[in-house]
Amino acid sequence: MPDLCFDACSLIYLTKAKAKHLLPSLGVVNVCDTVKRELVKDEHKYPDAAVLRKNIENRVINVRAKVRPITSRQGASLGTGELETIDYCLKKGAILVSDDRQAINYALGLGLKPKTSEIILLDLLDLEIIDDAEFTERFGDLSSIKQMKAPVITYFKKRAMDILDKKKATKEGTR
């Protein structure tokens, strides 16, 4: 199973969209130490933070030690959590999961192939971990949390339909 390394915003989005419990179906769920601190910092104020802390304690979410930086940080106006997560992905070959546009662009420039929370939901649909109805519900939750623009919502709904159409055609072809 692949290693997935999440930044804080993506893991929070997927928790709020009630999809976090499905993530281990895609691979090993990792966060770097700085991201862990961001996730649980205000657990007395945010129920999601308390849930994430329990997941960390139960090792559903693995906390990875800081790796020696191998990226050039010049020009990267990213937070420590994003930089540590990118460094971990570069060093360990993990898949970066981030919804931070600057982090995504920086990671792409370094040769990584990051995923966003929307793509994670598409992966769950494609692997048949969730069905069309559950995708629609989770994506609806995510799009309201993230406040996505209409063209982005349309794009991901079309990608979901393409996945479903392909699966349907494959099933019909095997009959």
C-alpha atoms as a PDB file:
ATOM      1  CA  MET A   1       0.000   0.000   0.000  1.00  0.00           C
ATOM      2  CA  PRO A   2       1.297   3.453  -0.782  1.00  0.00           C
ATOM      3  CA  ASP A   3       2.293   5.975   1.854  1.00  0.00           C
ATOM      4  CA  LEU A   4       0.124   9.083   1.870  1.00  0.00           C
ATOM      5  CA  CYS A   5       1.404  12.124   3.711  1.00  0.00           C
ATOM      6  CA  PHE A   6      -1.222  14.733   4.536  1.00  0.00           C
ATOM      7  CA  ASP A   7      -0.937  18.369   5.382  1.00  0.00           C
ATOM      8  CA  ALA A   8      -3.281  19.730   8.029  1.00  0.00           C
ATOM      9  CA  CYS A   9      -5.901  21.376   5.824  1.00  0.00           C
ATOM     10  CA  SER A  10      -6.537  18.259   3.721  1.00  0.00           C
ATOM     11  CA  LEU A  11      -6.906  15.977   6.710  1.00  0.00           C
ATOM     12  CA  ILE A  12      -9.251  18.466   8.381  1.00  0.00           C
ATOM     13  CA  TYR A  13     -11.333  18.813   5.195  1.00  0.00           C
ATOM     14  CA  LEU A  14     -11.657  15.040   4.825  1.00  0.00           C
ATOM     15  CA  THR A  15     -12.529  14.681   8.508  1.00  0.00           C
ATOM     16  CA  LYS A  16     -15.256  17.323   8.222  1.00  0.00           C
ATOM     17  CA  ALA A  17     -16.523  15.633   5.026  1.00  0.00           C
ATOM     18  CA  LYS A  18     -16.818  12.381   7.022  1.00  0.00           C
ATOM     19  CA  ALA A  19     -14.310  10.555   4.805  1.00  0.00           C
ATOM     20  CA  LYS A  20     -11.297  10.277   7.133  1.00  0.00           C
ATOM     21  CA  HIS A  21     -12.175   6.764   8.267  1.00  0.00           C
ATOM     22  CA  LEU A  22     -11.886   5.603   4.631  1.00  0.00           C
ATOM     23  CA  LEU A  23      -8.331   6.873   4.113  1.00  0.00           C
ATOM     24  CA  PRO A  24      -6.532   3.719   5.336  1.00  0.00           C
ATOM     25  CA  SER A  25      -8.220   1.908   2.425  1.00  0.00           C
ATOM     26  CA  LEU A  26      -6.018   3.978   0.095  1.00  0.00           C
ATOM     27  CA  GLY A  27      -2.725   3.506   1.921  1.00  0.00           C
ATOM     28  CA  VAL A  28      -0.800   4.308   5.067  1.00  0.00           C
ATOM     29  CA  VAL A  29      -1.949   7.668   6.475  1.00  0.00           C
ATOM     30  CA  ASN A  30       0.969   9.796   7.666  1.00  0.00           C
ATOM     31  CA  VAL A  31       1.473  13.295   9.003  1.00  0.00           C
ATOM     32  CA  CYS A  32       4.682  15.005   9.979  1.00  0.00           C
ATOM     33  CA  ASP A  33       5.212  16.109  13.572  1.00  0.00           C
ATOM     34  CA  THR A  34       4.543  19.792  12.852  1.00  0.00           C
ATOM     35  CA  VAL A  35       1.279  18.884  11.100  1.00  0.00           C
ATOM     36  CA  LYS A  36       0.271  16.731  14.079  1.00  0.00           C
ATOM     37  CA  ARG A  37       0.698  19.738  16.362  1.00  0.00           C
ATOM     38  CA  GLU A  38      -1.424  21.855  13.989  1.00  0.00           C
ATOM     39  CA  LEU A  39      -4.158  19.198  13.930  1.00  0.00           C
ATOM     40  CA  VAL A  40      -4.574  18.833  17.685  1.00  0.00           C
ATOM     41  CA  LYS A  41      -3.618  22.327  18.819  1.00  0.00           C
ATOM     42  CA  ASP A  42      -7.125  23.482  19.756  1.00  0.00           C
ATOM     43  CA  GLU A  43      -8.858  20.200  20.464  1.00  0.00           C
ATOM     44  CA  HIS A  44     -10.839  21.746  23.323  1.00  0.00           C
ATOM     45  CA  LYS A  45     -12.448  24.122  20.780  1.00  0.00           C
ATOM     46  CA  TYR A  46     -12.815  21.811  17.776  1.00  0.00           C
ATOM     47  CA  PRO A  47     -14.364  18.332  17.949  1.00  0.00           C
ATOM     48  CA  ASP A  48     -12.504  17.334  14.772  1.00  0.00           C
ATOM     49  CA  ALA A  49      -9.199  17.985  16.516  1.00  0.00           C
ATOM     50  CA  ALA A  50     -10.159  15.603  19.324  1.00  0.00           C
ATOM     51  CA  VAL A  51     -11.111  12.934  16.760  1.00  0.00           C
ATOM     52  CA  LEU A  52      -7.795  13.387  14.982  1.00  0.00           C
ATOM     53  CA  ARG A  53      -5.881  13.126  18.274  1.00  0.00           C
ATOM     54  CA  LYS A  54      -7.614   9.798  18.998  1.00  0.00           C
ATOM     55  CA  ASN A  55      -6.714   8.595  15.514  1.00  0.00           C
ATOM     56  CA  ILE A  56      -3.093   9.533  16.136  1.00  0.00           C
ATOM     57  CA  GLU A  57      -3.087   7.806  19.529  1.00  0.00           C
ATOM     58  CA  ASN A  58      -4.623   4.670  17.965  1.00  0.00           C
ATOM     59  CA  ARG A  59      -2.101   4.814  15.095  1.00  0.00           C
ATOM     60  CA  VAL A  60      -4.759   5.164  12.422  1.00  0.00           C
ATOM     61  CA  ILE A  61      -2.757   8.269  11.557  1.00  0.00           C
ATOM     62  CA  ASN A  62       0.991   7.770  11.808  1.00  0.00           C
ATOM     63  CA  VAL A  63       3.205  10.613  12.960  1.00  0.00           C
ATOM     64  CA  ARG A  64       6.504  10.697  11.136  1.00  0.00           C
ATOM     65  CA  ALA A  65       9.622  12.236  12.546  1.00  0.00           C
ATOM     66  CA  LYS A  66      11.053  15.241  10.823  1.00  0.00           C
ATOM     67  CA  VAL A  67      13.344  14.274   7.979  1.00  0.00           C
ATOM     68  CA  ARG A  68      16.464  16.154   7.031  1.00  0.00           C
ATOM     69  CA  PRO A  69      15.375  18.775   4.479  1.00  0.00           C
ATOM     70  CA  ILE A  70      16.391  17.918   0.949  1.00  0.00           C
ATOM     71  CA  THR A  71      14.556  20.685  -0.851  1.00  0.00           C
ATOM     72  CA  SER A  72      15.789  24.172  -1.495  1.00  0.00           C
ATOM     73  CA  ARG A  73      13.541  26.457   0.482  1.00  0.00           C
ATOM     74  CA  GLN A  74      14.483  29.550  -1.407  1.00  0.00           C
ATOM     75  CA  GLY A  75      11.399  31.207  -2.803  1.00  0.00           C
ATOM     76  CA  ALA A  76       9.037  28.850  -1.015  1.00  0.00           C
ATOM     77  CA  SER A  77       6.705  30.914   1.114  1.00  0.00           C
ATOM     78  CA  LEU A  78       5.189  27.858   2.735  1.00  0.00           C
ATOM     79  CA  GLY A  79       4.560  26.993   6.333  1.00  0.00           C
ATOM     80  CA  THR A  80       6.741  24.574   8.235  1.00  0.00           C
ATOM     81  CA  GLY A  81       4.079  21.855   8.065  1.00  0.00           C
ATOM     82  CA  GLU A  82       3.846  21.999   4.278  1.00  0.00           C
ATOM     83  CA  LEU A  83       7.632  22.040   3.876  1.00  0.00           C
ATOM     84  CA  GLU A  84       8.121  19.081   6.240  1.00  0.00           C
ATOM     85  CA  THR A  85       5.393  17.143   4.452  1.00  0.00           C
ATOM     86  CA  ILE A  86       6.963  17.821   1.045  1.00  0.00           C
ATOM     87  CA  ASP A  87      10.403  16.851   2.374  1.00  0.00           C
ATOM     88  CA  TYR A  88       8.982  13.603   3.764  1.00  0.00           C
ATOM     89  CA  CYS A  89       7.330  12.793   0.420  1.00  0.00           C
ATOM     90  CA  LEU A  90      10.543  13.471  -1.483  1.00  0.00           C
ATOM     91  CA  LYS A  91      12.682  11.404   0.844  1.00  0.00           C
ATOM     92  CA  LYS A  92      10.292   8.491   1.413  1.00  0.00           C
ATOM     93  CA  GLY A  93       8.480   8.384  -1.926  1.00  0.00           C
ATOM     94  CA  ALA A  94       5.138   9.129  -0.302  1.00  0.00           C
ATOM     95  CA  ILE A  95       2.177  10.762  -2.024  1.00  0.00           C
ATOM     96  CA  LEU A  96       1.592  14.340  -0.930  1.00  0.00           C
ATOM     97  CA  VAL A  97      -2.009  15.193  -0.086  1.00  0.00           C
ATOM     98  CA  SER A  98      -2.496  18.944   0.127  1.00  0.00           C
ATOM     99  CA  ASP A  99      -5.138  21.504  -0.707  1.00  0.00           C
ATOM    100  CA  ASP A 100      -2.703  24.402  -0.395  1.00  0.00           C
ATOM    101  CA  ARG A 101      -2.170  25.828  -3.911  1.00  0.00           C
ATOM    102  CA  GLN A 102       1.330  27.138  -3.132  1.00  0.00           C
ATOM    103  CA  ALA A 103       2.383  23.781  -1.672  1.00  0.00           C
ATOM    104  CA  ILE A 104       0.944  21.932  -4.674  1.00  0.00           C
ATOM    105  CA  ASN A 105       2.755  24.168  -7.153  1.00  0.00           C
ATOM    106  CA  TYR A 106       6.017  23.896  -5.222  1.00  0.00           C
ATOM    107  CA  ALA A 107       5.683  20.096  -5.015  1.00  0.00           C
ATOM    108  CA  LEU A 108       4.922  19.828  -8.735  1.00  0.00           C
ATOM    109  CA  GLY A 109       8.088  21.801  -9.451  1.00  0.00           C
ATOM    110  CA  LEU A 110      10.029  19.224  -7.432  1.00  0.00           C
ATOM    111  CA  GLY A 111       8.569  16.329  -9.399  1.00  0.00           C
ATOM    112  CA  LEU A 112       5.948  15.165  -6.905  1.00  0.00           C
ATOM    113  CA  LYS A 113       2.421  14.264  -8.004  1.00  0.00           C
ATOM    114  CA  PRO A 114       0.262  15.662  -5.202  1.00  0.00           C
ATOM    115  CA  LYS A 115      -3.377  14.865  -4.628  1.00  0.00           C
ATOM    116  CA  THR A 116      -6.071  17.129  -3.246  1.00  0.00           C
ATOM    117  CA  SER A 117      -8.976  16.105  -1.041  1.00  0.00           C
ATOM    118  CA  GLU A 118     -11.217  16.054  -4.143  1.00  0.00           C
ATOM    119  CA  ILE A 119      -8.857  13.618  -5.863  1.00  0.00           C
ATOM    120  CA  ILE A 120      -8.827  11.439  -2.746  1.00  0.00           C
ATOM    121  CA  LEU A 121     -12.630  11.222  -2.980  1.00  0.00           C
ATOM    122  CA  LEU A 122     -12.338  10.291  -6.673  1.00  0.00           C
ATOM    123  CA  ASP A 123      -9.797   7.591  -5.741  1.00  0.00           C
ATOM    124  CA  LEU A 124     -12.250   6.181  -3.191  1.00  0.00           C
ATOM    125  CA  LEU A 125     -14.936   6.092  -5.888  1.00  0.00           C
ATOM    126  CA  ASP A 126     -12.625   4.577  -8.505  1.00  0.00           C
ATOM    127  CA  LEU A 127     -11.516   1.803  -6.140  1.00  0.00           C
ATOM    128  CA  GLU A 128     -15.173   1.173  -5.240  1.00  0.00           C
ATOM    129  CA  ILE A 129     -14.555   1.944  -1.579  1.00  0.00           C
ATOM    130  CA  ILE A 130     -17.497   4.317  -1.832  1.00  0.00           C
ATOM    131  CA  ASP A 131     -20.402   4.291  -4.260  1.00  0.00           C
ATOM    132  CA  ASP A 132     -21.931   7.101  -6.288  1.00  0.00           C
ATOM    133  CA  ALA A 133     -24.335   8.161  -3.526  1.00  0.00           C
ATOM    134  CA  GLU A 134     -21.615   8.299  -0.898  1.00  0.00           C
ATOM    135  CA  PHE A 135     -19.297  10.192  -3.256  1.00  0.00           C
ATOM    136  CA  THR A 136     -22.059  12.733  -3.901  1.00  0.00           C
ATOM    137  CA  GLU A 137     -22.656  13.196  -0.175  1.00  0.00           C
ATOM    138  CA  ARG A 138     -18.960  13.451   0.772  1.00  0.00           C
ATOM    139  CA  PHE A 139     -18.193  15.728  -2.174  1.00  0.00           C
ATOM    140  CA  GLY A 140     -21.153  17.944  -1.268  1.00  0.00           C
ATOM    141  CA  ASP A 141     -19.821  18.257   2.277  1.00  0.00           C
ATOM    142  CA  LEU A 142     -16.327  18.978   1.001  1.00  0.00           C
ATOM    143  CA  SER A 143     -17.444  21.564  -1.539  1.00  0.00           C
ATOM    144  CA  SER A 144     -19.317  23.514   1.125  1.00  0.00           C
ATOM    145  CA  ILE A 145     -16.413  23.358   3.579  1.00  0.00           C
ATOM    146  CA  LYS A 146     -13.839  24.350   0.978  1.00  0.00           C
ATOM    147  CA  GLN A 147     -16.154  26.825  -0.719  1.00  0.00           C
ATOM    148  CA  MET A 148     -15.266  25.636  -4.199  1.00  0.00           C
ATOM    149  CA  LYS A 149     -16.171  27.643  -7.250  1.00  0.00           C
ATOM    150  CA  ALA A 150     -18.824  26.310  -9.619  1.00  0.00           C
ATOM    151  CA  PRO A 151     -16.387  25.342 -12.433  1.00  0.00           C
ATOM    152  CA  VAL A 152     -14.317  23.266  -9.982  1.00  0.00           C
ATOM    153  CA  ILE A 153     -17.420  21.497  -8.694  1.00  0.00           C
ATOM    154  CA  THR A 154     -18.557  20.822 -12.268  1.00  0.00           C
ATOM    155  CA  TYR A 155     -15.119  19.477 -13.212  1.00  0.00           C
ATOM    156  CA  PHE A 156     -14.957  16.987 -10.329  1.00  0.00           C
ATOM    157  CA  LYS A 157     -18.557  15.869 -10.816  1.00  0.00           C
ATOM    158  CA  LYS A 158     -17.721  15.163 -14.467  1.00  0.00           C
ATOM    159  CA  ARG A 159     -14.625  13.206 -13.429  1.00  0.00           C
ATOM    160  CA  ALA A 160     -16.805  11.151 -11.081  1.00  0.00           C
ATOM    161  CA  MET A 161     -19.305  10.480 -13.871  1.00  0.00           C
ATOM    162  CA  ASP A 162     -16.442   9.424 -16.167  1.00  0.00           C
ATOM    163  CA  ILE A 163     -15.263   6.931 -13.523  1.00  0.00           C
ATOM    164  CA  LEU A 164     -18.774   5.534 -13.122  1.00  0.00           C
ATOM    165  CA  ASP A 165     -19.336   5.330 -16.883  1.00  0.00           C
ATOM    166  CA  LYS A 166     -16.030   3.501 -17.353  1.00  0.00           C
ATOM    167  CA  LYS A 167     -16.902   1.016 -14.598  1.00  0.00           C
ATOM    168  CA  LYS A 168     -20.343   0.460 -16.081  1.00  0.00           C
ATOM    169  CA  ALA A 169     -18.877  -0.146 -19.547  1.00  0.00           C
ATOM    170  CA  THR A 170     -16.328  -2.562 -18.102  1.00  0.00           C
ATOM    171  CA  LYS A 171     -19.037  -4.521 -16.265  1.00  0.00           C
ATOM    172  CA  GLU A 172     -21.219  -4.635 -19.379  1.00  0.00           C
ATOM    173  CA  GLY A 173     -18.244  -5.778 -21.444  1.00  0.00           C
ATOM    174  CA  THR A 174     -17.585  -8.722 -19.149  1.00  0.00           C
ATOM    175  CA  ARG A 175     -21.116 -10.105 -19.398  1.00  0.00           C
END
